[in-house]
Amino acid sequence: MYLVHVYLSSHPAGELLPGHTASVMTAVAEGRAEVVHVAVHADTAADPVIGVYLRAASLHAAEASTRALWSAARAAHPWLDGWQLLRAEVPMLPVPEW
């Protein structure tokens, strides 16, 4: 399972990404067995982040699937057009030394 972060640009009018964006993306993901959960971190106008948990065969496939999900959500919900995709990637986290 992968966690892919969808990094978005801030809205040109300064609007916050609506909290219900997670449910919108979950609905768009209906029928995509790989999508497990969507979480939105929209509490800041500057560059909101959406977390998508999904099953995929590889990191590349997970990131590509997440980009496709964002594109499908924007196509289905034009009000999302104000936020542009900056990147969709698995965040690399440092592993503490034991």
C-alpha atoms as a PDB file:
ATOM      1  CA  MET A   1       0.000   0.000   0.000  1.00  0.00           C
ATOM      2  CA  TYR A   2       1.174   3.506  -0.797  1.00  0.00           C
ATOM      3  CA  LEU A   3       0.353   6.949   0.492  1.00  0.00           C
ATOM      4  CA  VAL A   4       0.556   9.439  -2.358  1.00  0.00           C
ATOM      5  CA  HIS A   5       0.411  13.149  -1.605  1.00  0.00           C
ATOM      6  CA  VAL A   6      -1.339  15.333  -4.162  1.00  0.00           C
ATOM      7  CA  TYR A   7       0.258  18.769  -3.880  1.00  0.00           C
ATOM      8  CA  LEU A   8      -1.938  21.539  -5.243  1.00  0.00           C
ATOM      9  CA  SER A   9      -1.303  25.189  -5.961  1.00  0.00           C
ATOM     10  CA  SER A  10      -3.161  27.706  -3.889  1.00  0.00           C
ATOM     11  CA  HIS A  11      -6.423  28.931  -5.392  1.00  0.00           C
ATOM     12  CA  PRO A  12      -5.951  32.150  -7.412  1.00  0.00           C
ATOM     13  CA  ALA A  13      -8.801  33.792  -5.460  1.00  0.00           C
ATOM     14  CA  GLY A  14      -7.389  32.624  -2.115  1.00  0.00           C
ATOM     15  CA  GLU A  15     -10.181  30.117  -1.505  1.00  0.00           C
ATOM     16  CA  LEU A  16      -9.581  27.154   0.770  1.00  0.00           C
ATOM     17  CA  LEU A  17      -9.942  23.679  -0.667  1.00  0.00           C
ATOM     18  CA  PRO A  18     -13.348  22.515   0.625  1.00  0.00           C
ATOM     19  CA  GLY A  19     -13.288  19.840   3.294  1.00  0.00           C
ATOM     20  CA  HIS A  20     -15.706  17.696   1.298  1.00  0.00           C
ATOM     21  CA  THR A  21     -13.078  17.270  -1.421  1.00  0.00           C
ATOM     22  CA  ALA A  22     -12.137  13.935   0.169  1.00  0.00           C
ATOM     23  CA  SER A  23     -15.665  12.578  -0.227  1.00  0.00           C
ATOM     24  CA  VAL A  24     -15.803  13.898  -3.798  1.00  0.00           C
ATOM     25  CA  MET A  25     -12.575  12.117  -4.684  1.00  0.00           C
ATOM     26  CA  THR A  26     -13.724   8.964  -2.895  1.00  0.00           C
ATOM     27  CA  ALA A  27     -16.913   8.991  -4.976  1.00  0.00           C
ATOM     28  CA  VAL A  28     -14.902   9.467  -8.167  1.00  0.00           C
ATOM     29  CA  ALA A  29     -12.703   6.535  -7.094  1.00  0.00           C
ATOM     30  CA  GLU A  30     -15.762   4.272  -6.844  1.00  0.00           C
ATOM     31  CA  GLY A  31     -14.959   1.153  -8.811  1.00  0.00           C
ATOM     32  CA  ARG A  32     -11.197   1.706  -8.572  1.00  0.00           C
ATOM     33  CA  ALA A  33     -10.292  -1.140  -6.247  1.00  0.00           C
ATOM     34  CA  GLU A  34      -6.830   0.273  -5.668  1.00  0.00           C
ATOM     35  CA  VAL A  35      -8.077   3.377  -3.804  1.00  0.00           C
ATOM     36  CA  VAL A  36      -8.460   2.674  -0.078  1.00  0.00           C
ATOM     37  CA  HIS A  37      -8.825   6.103   1.560  1.00  0.00           C
ATOM     38  CA  VAL A  38      -8.626   9.819   0.734  1.00  0.00           C
ATOM     39  CA  ALA A  39      -7.741  12.526   3.270  1.00  0.00           C
ATOM     40  CA  VAL A  40      -7.631  16.273   2.668  1.00  0.00           C
ATOM     41  CA  HIS A  41      -5.332  18.676   4.472  1.00  0.00           C
ATOM     42  CA  ALA A  42      -7.066  21.868   3.434  1.00  0.00           C
ATOM     43  CA  ASP A  43      -6.592  24.030   6.495  1.00  0.00           C
ATOM     44  CA  THR A  44      -4.264  26.397   4.706  1.00  0.00           C
ATOM     45  CA  ALA A  45      -4.811  28.445   1.550  1.00  0.00           C
ATOM     46  CA  ALA A  46      -1.189  27.951   0.526  1.00  0.00           C
ATOM     47  CA  ASP A  47      -0.702  24.737  -1.366  1.00  0.00           C
ATOM     48  CA  PRO A  48      -3.260  22.260   0.049  1.00  0.00           C
ATOM     49  CA  VAL A  49      -2.373  18.566   0.152  1.00  0.00           C
ATOM     50  CA  ILE A  50      -4.574  15.538  -0.476  1.00  0.00           C
ATOM     51  CA  GLY A  51      -3.449  12.148   0.799  1.00  0.00           C
ATOM     52  CA  VAL A  52      -4.502   9.105  -1.207  1.00  0.00           C
ATOM     53  CA  TYR A  53      -3.938   5.630   0.202  1.00  0.00           C
ATOM     54  CA  LEU A  54      -3.976   2.991  -2.490  1.00  0.00           C
ATOM     55  CA  ARG A  55      -2.783  -0.425  -3.465  1.00  0.00           C
ATOM     56  CA  ALA A  56      -0.481  -0.560  -6.465  1.00  0.00           C
ATOM     57  CA  ALA A  57       2.154  -2.816  -7.956  1.00  0.00           C
ATOM     58  CA  SER A  58       4.831  -0.124  -7.786  1.00  0.00           C
ATOM     59  CA  LEU A  59       5.548   3.384  -6.596  1.00  0.00           C
ATOM     60  CA  HIS A  60       5.332   4.635 -10.181  1.00  0.00           C
ATOM     61  CA  ALA A  61       1.935   2.980 -10.678  1.00  0.00           C
ATOM     62  CA  ALA A  62       0.639   4.460  -7.400  1.00  0.00           C
ATOM     63  CA  GLU A  63       1.663   7.979  -8.415  1.00  0.00           C
ATOM     64  CA  ALA A  64       0.228   7.588 -11.932  1.00  0.00           C
ATOM     65  CA  SER A  65      -3.057   6.237 -10.580  1.00  0.00           C
ATOM     66  CA  THR A  66      -3.313   9.157  -8.172  1.00  0.00           C
ATOM     67  CA  ARG A  67      -2.711  11.704 -10.952  1.00  0.00           C
ATOM     68  CA  ALA A  68      -5.456   9.990 -12.972  1.00  0.00           C
ATOM     69  CA  LEU A  69      -7.801  10.158  -9.967  1.00  0.00           C
ATOM     70  CA  TRP A  70      -7.184  13.910  -9.577  1.00  0.00           C
ATOM     71  CA  SER A  71      -7.827  14.436 -13.308  1.00  0.00           C
ATOM     72  CA  ALA A  72     -11.062  12.465 -13.098  1.00  0.00           C
ATOM     73  CA  ALA A  73     -12.188  14.454 -10.038  1.00  0.00           C
ATOM     74  CA  ARG A  74     -11.510  17.771 -11.810  1.00  0.00           C
ATOM     75  CA  ALA A  75     -13.380  16.579 -14.905  1.00  0.00           C
ATOM     76  CA  ALA A  76     -16.383  15.530 -12.811  1.00  0.00           C
ATOM     77  CA  HIS A  77     -16.340  18.623 -10.577  1.00  0.00           C
ATOM     78  CA  PRO A  78     -15.326  21.802 -12.434  1.00  0.00           C
ATOM     79  CA  TRP A  79     -15.193  23.786  -9.173  1.00  0.00           C
ATOM     80  CA  LEU A  80     -11.870  21.992  -8.561  1.00  0.00           C
ATOM     81  CA  ASP A  81     -10.338  23.809 -11.552  1.00  0.00           C
ATOM     82  CA  GLY A  82      -9.058  26.590  -9.280  1.00  0.00           C
ATOM     83  CA  TRP A  83      -6.465  24.242  -7.795  1.00  0.00           C
ATOM     84  CA  GLN A  84      -3.745  23.043 -10.129  1.00  0.00           C
ATOM     85  CA  LEU A  85      -1.802  19.856  -9.602  1.00  0.00           C
ATOM     86  CA  LEU A  86       1.808  20.652  -8.704  1.00  0.00           C
ATOM     87  CA  ARG A  87       2.838  17.029  -8.229  1.00  0.00           C
ATOM     88  CA  ALA A  88       1.580  13.669  -6.971  1.00  0.00           C
ATOM     89  CA  GLU A  89       4.237  11.673  -5.213  1.00  0.00           C
ATOM     90  CA  VAL A  90       4.926   9.313  -2.375  1.00  0.00           C
ATOM     91  CA  PRO A  91       6.543  11.398   0.358  1.00  0.00           C
ATOM     92  CA  MET A  92      10.006  10.214   1.230  1.00  0.00           C
ATOM     93  CA  LEU A  93      10.408  10.121   4.988  1.00  0.00           C
ATOM     94  CA  PRO A  94      13.718   9.678   6.777  1.00  0.00           C
ATOM     95  CA  VAL A  95      14.063   6.474   8.745  1.00  0.00           C
ATOM     96  CA  PRO A  96      15.461   7.025  12.224  1.00  0.00           C
ATOM     97  CA  GLU A  97      18.644   5.245  13.104  1.00  0.00           C
ATOM     98  CA  TRP A  98      18.163   2.516  15.676  1.00  0.00           C
END
